[in-house]
Protein backbone atom coordinates (compact mmCIF):
# COMPACT_ATOMS: atom_id res chain seq x y z
CA MET A 1 6.92 -20.99 -12.70
CA ALA A 2 6.76 -19.12 -10.17
CA ARG A 3 6.70 -22.06 -6.49
CA THR A 4 4.31 -20.36 -4.14
CA THR A 5 4.73 -21.38 -0.26
CA THR A 6 1.76 -20.63 3.15
CA PHE A 7 3.24 -19.86 6.28
CA LYS A 8 0.82 -20.97 9.14
CA TYR A 9 0.77 -19.25 12.73
CA THR A 10 -1.52 -19.65 15.85
CA VAL A 11 -2.79 -16.69 17.14
CA THR A 12 -2.85 -17.16 21.50
CA VAL A 13 -3.96 -13.88 23.45
CA VAL A 14 -1.76 -13.39 26.86
CA SER A 15 -0.91 -11.41 29.93
CA SER A 16 2.40 -10.29 29.51
CA GLY A 17 2.83 -7.04 31.12
CA GLY A 18 -0.31 -6.36 29.04
CA ASN A 19 -2.65 -8.15 26.54
CA LYS A 20 0.28 -8.84 23.90
CA TYR A 21 -0.45 -11.44 20.79
CA ALA A 22 1.28 -15.04 20.63
CA ILE A 23 2.47 -15.94 17.65
CA ASP A 24 3.02 -19.89 18.19
CA GLY A 25 3.41 -19.70 21.64
CA ASN A 26 6.51 -16.47 20.87
CA THR A 27 5.41 -12.91 22.13
CA GLN A 28 7.42 -10.88 19.26
CA GLN A 29 7.60 -7.74 18.31
CA TYR A 30 6.34 -8.66 14.39
CA VAL A 31 6.37 -10.95 11.78
CA VAL A 32 8.55 -11.48 8.82
CA LEU A 33 6.62 -11.76 5.43
CA PHE A 34 8.06 -12.34 2.23
CA PRO A 35 6.16 -11.00 -1.21
CA GLY A 36 3.99 -13.85 -2.77
CA CYS A 37 3.84 -16.15 -0.03
CA THR A 38 0.09 -16.12 1.93
CA TYR A 39 -0.27 -15.74 5.61
CA GLU A 40 -2.57 -17.83 7.20
CA PHE A 41 -3.03 -16.26 11.58
CA ASN A 42 -5.61 -18.81 12.79
CA GLN A 43 -7.61 -16.97 16.16
CA ASP A 44 -10.22 -20.02 16.82
CA ASP A 45 -8.64 -19.78 20.46
CA SER A 46 -10.91 -18.03 22.90
CA SER A 47 -7.74 -15.53 23.66
CA ASN A 48 -8.44 -13.76 21.46
CA SER A 49 -12.06 -12.76 22.06
CA GLY A 50 -12.22 -9.33 22.16
CA HIS A 51 -9.06 -8.52 20.19
CA PRO A 52 -9.05 -7.49 16.63
CA LEU A 53 -5.25 -8.35 14.22
CA ARG A 54 -4.87 -5.62 12.36
CA PHE A 55 -1.65 -4.59 10.24
CA SER A 56 -0.40 -1.50 9.93
CA GLU A 57 2.17 0.58 7.56
CA THR A 58 2.75 2.87 9.59
CA ASP A 59 5.60 2.45 12.57
CA ASN A 60 4.34 1.81 15.88
CA GLY A 61 1.24 0.98 14.42
CA SER A 62 -2.36 3.38 13.85
CA HIS A 63 -3.87 3.33 17.15
CA GLY A 64 -7.76 3.91 16.52
CA GLY A 65 -6.67 6.21 13.41
């Protein structure tokens, strides 16, 4: 039987040389995702207003494309 794992992250937007996402308080380039796991990104913080969180398979994102 497969074991299901859920990862929960709190997302905020911080001003650090421009607006950047902070995951659990840490500004970082990426989050490692594992197949078969569930991920929850909590964007309840007001700093997320106007900053939709999007995922891309394109290197460096698609930037409006």
